């Protein structure tokens, strides 16, 4: 009984590990051109496989790298970048010396055509 339980448990762990393999879930990527941008979902699932068992996790990683299924396809990468691109036609440029609350409010008000107030808004500068 114990042997059967261990066998079923081990089979479940192996099935879980290989279910994270990008080759199984994204098999269409095998025939498409890879973008060399790694899909974090596949990488995380493969790393989970490494946690549950070194051999199955390594096999999943090797399969995904060999079949290029760990990478987004070029078409997927284009769609992702199109969704994250900023519309620069609506950006407001300010000189670094005019990066105070009043200057930002004035520039936005001029651009939008109505009075803008940034009271209650926390501003942060990012380099």
Protein backbone atom coordinates (compact mmCIF):
# COMPACT_ATOMS: atom_id res chain seq x y z
CA UNK A 1 0.00 0.00 0.00
CA UNK A 2 2.82 2.40 0.89
CA UNK A 3 4.67 1.53 -2.32
CA UNK A 4 1.55 2.23 -4.37
CA UNK A 5 0.99 5.57 -2.59
CA UNK A 6 4.60 6.60 -3.18
CA UNK A 7 4.35 5.63 -6.85
CA UNK A 8 1.15 7.63 -7.32
CA UNK A 9 2.64 10.59 -5.44
CA UNK A 10 5.84 10.50 -7.51
CA UNK A 11 3.81 10.25 -10.71
CA UNK A 12 1.80 13.29 -9.59
CA UNK A 13 4.94 15.30 -8.90
CA UNK A 14 6.44 14.35 -12.28
CA UNK A 15 3.16 15.22 -14.03
CA UNK A 16 3.10 18.59 -12.24
CA UNK A 17 6.70 19.31 -13.18
CA UNK A 18 6.19 18.46 -16.83
CA UNK A 19 2.90 20.36 -16.96
CA UNK A 20 4.97 23.53 -16.58
CA UNK A 21 6.99 22.69 -19.65
CA UNK A 22 6.52 25.34 -22.36
CA UNK A 23 6.85 22.63 -25.00
CA UNK A 24 3.52 21.19 -23.88
CA UNK A 25 1.58 24.42 -23.40
CA UNK A 26 3.01 26.55 -26.21
CA UNK A 27 3.91 23.94 -28.81
CA UNK A 28 3.06 26.42 -31.60
CA UNK A 29 6.20 28.36 -30.63
CA UNK A 30 8.35 25.48 -31.92
CA UNK A 31 7.55 26.46 -35.52
CA UNK A 32 7.70 30.24 -35.04
CA UNK A 33 10.74 32.50 -34.95
CA UNK A 34 11.82 33.17 -31.35
CA UNK A 35 12.23 36.76 -30.19
CA UNK A 36 14.91 35.88 -27.61
CA UNK A 37 12.65 37.55 -25.00
CA UNK A 38 12.11 34.94 -22.29
CA UNK A 39 8.53 34.25 -21.25
CA UNK A 40 8.59 34.60 -17.45
CA UNK A 41 5.64 32.22 -17.05
CA UNK A 42 7.51 29.34 -18.65
CA UNK A 43 10.70 30.16 -16.77
CA UNK A 44 8.89 30.23 -13.41
CA UNK A 45 7.11 26.95 -14.13
CA UNK A 46 10.39 25.32 -15.17
CA UNK A 47 12.08 26.62 -12.02
CA UNK A 48 9.23 25.19 -9.95
CA UNK A 49 10.04 21.93 -11.68
CA UNK A 50 13.63 22.26 -10.49
CA UNK A 51 12.35 22.73 -6.95
CA UNK A 52 10.27 19.54 -7.05
CA UNK A 53 12.85 17.41 -8.78
CA UNK A 54 16.21 18.21 -10.29
CA UNK A 55 16.01 15.77 -13.21
CA UNK A 56 12.46 16.62 -14.39
CA UNK A 57 13.12 20.36 -13.95
CA UNK A 58 16.35 20.18 -15.94
CA UNK A 59 14.61 18.12 -18.63
CA UNK A 60 11.82 20.74 -18.87
CA UNK A 61 14.35 23.60 -19.11
CA UNK A 62 16.44 21.80 -21.73
CA UNK A 63 13.34 20.97 -23.78
CA UNK A 64 12.08 24.56 -23.63
CA UNK A 65 15.44 26.03 -24.64
CA UNK A 66 15.94 23.41 -27.36
CA UNK A 67 12.46 23.97 -28.83
CA UNK A 68 12.59 27.77 -28.30
CA UNK A 69 9.32 27.57 -26.36
CA UNK A 70 10.81 29.43 -23.39
CA UNK A 71 10.97 32.52 -25.62
CA UNK A 72 8.05 34.61 -26.81
CA UNK A 73 7.60 34.27 -30.57
CA UNK A 74 8.35 37.40 -32.62
CA UNK A 75 4.62 37.98 -33.19
CA UNK A 76 3.89 37.67 -29.45
CA UNK A 77 6.73 40.07 -28.62
CA UNK A 78 5.41 42.61 -31.14
CA UNK A 79 1.93 42.44 -29.62
CA UNK A 80 3.38 42.86 -26.12
CA UNK A 81 5.49 45.87 -27.10
CA UNK A 82 2.57 47.46 -29.00
CA UNK A 83 0.49 47.27 -25.83
CA UNK A 84 3.18 48.88 -23.68
CA UNK A 85 4.39 51.66 -26.00
CA UNK A 86 3.68 55.19 -24.81
CA UNK A 87 1.80 57.62 -26.99
CA UNK A 88 4.47 60.30 -27.25
CA UNK A 89 2.14 62.68 -29.10
CA UNK A 90 0.48 63.43 -25.76
CA UNK A 91 3.63 63.83 -23.69
CA UNK A 92 4.59 67.12 -22.11
CA UNK A 93 8.29 67.96 -21.95
CA UNK A 94 9.67 70.12 -19.19
CA UNK A 95 13.21 71.29 -18.58
CA UNK A 96 14.75 69.69 -15.51
CA UNK A 97 14.92 73.11 -13.82
CA UNK A 98 11.10 73.39 -14.08
CA UNK A 99 10.24 70.13 -12.37
CA UNK A 100 8.31 71.66 -9.50
CA UNK A 101 4.58 71.19 -8.78
CA UNK A 102 3.52 74.63 -10.11
CA UNK A 103 5.43 74.25 -13.39
CA UNK A 104 4.04 70.76 -13.96
CA UNK A 105 0.49 71.94 -13.24
CA UNK A 106 0.91 74.90 -15.64
CA UNK A 107 2.31 72.71 -18.44
CA UNK A 108 -0.46 70.12 -18.06
CA UNK A 109 -3.15 72.81 -17.88
CA UNK A 110 -1.84 74.38 -21.09
CA UNK A 111 -1.68 71.01 -22.87
CA UNK A 112 -5.12 69.80 -21.74
CA UNK A 113 -6.97 73.09 -21.99
CA UNK A 114 -8.34 73.10 -18.45
CA UNK A 115 -6.99 73.81 -14.98
CA UNK A 116 -5.04 70.90 -13.47
CA UNK A 117 -4.34 70.61 -9.76
CA UNK A 118 -1.88 68.08 -8.41
CA UNK A 119 -2.83 68.64 -4.77
CA UNK A 120 -2.95 65.32 -3.00
CA UNK A 121 -0.82 63.68 -5.70
CA UNK A 122 2.58 62.36 -4.70
CA UNK A 123 5.17 63.22 -7.32
CA UNK A 124 8.33 61.17 -7.73
CA UNK A 125 11.32 61.74 -9.97
CA UNK A 126 12.77 58.66 -11.66
CA UNK A 127 16.11 58.65 -13.40
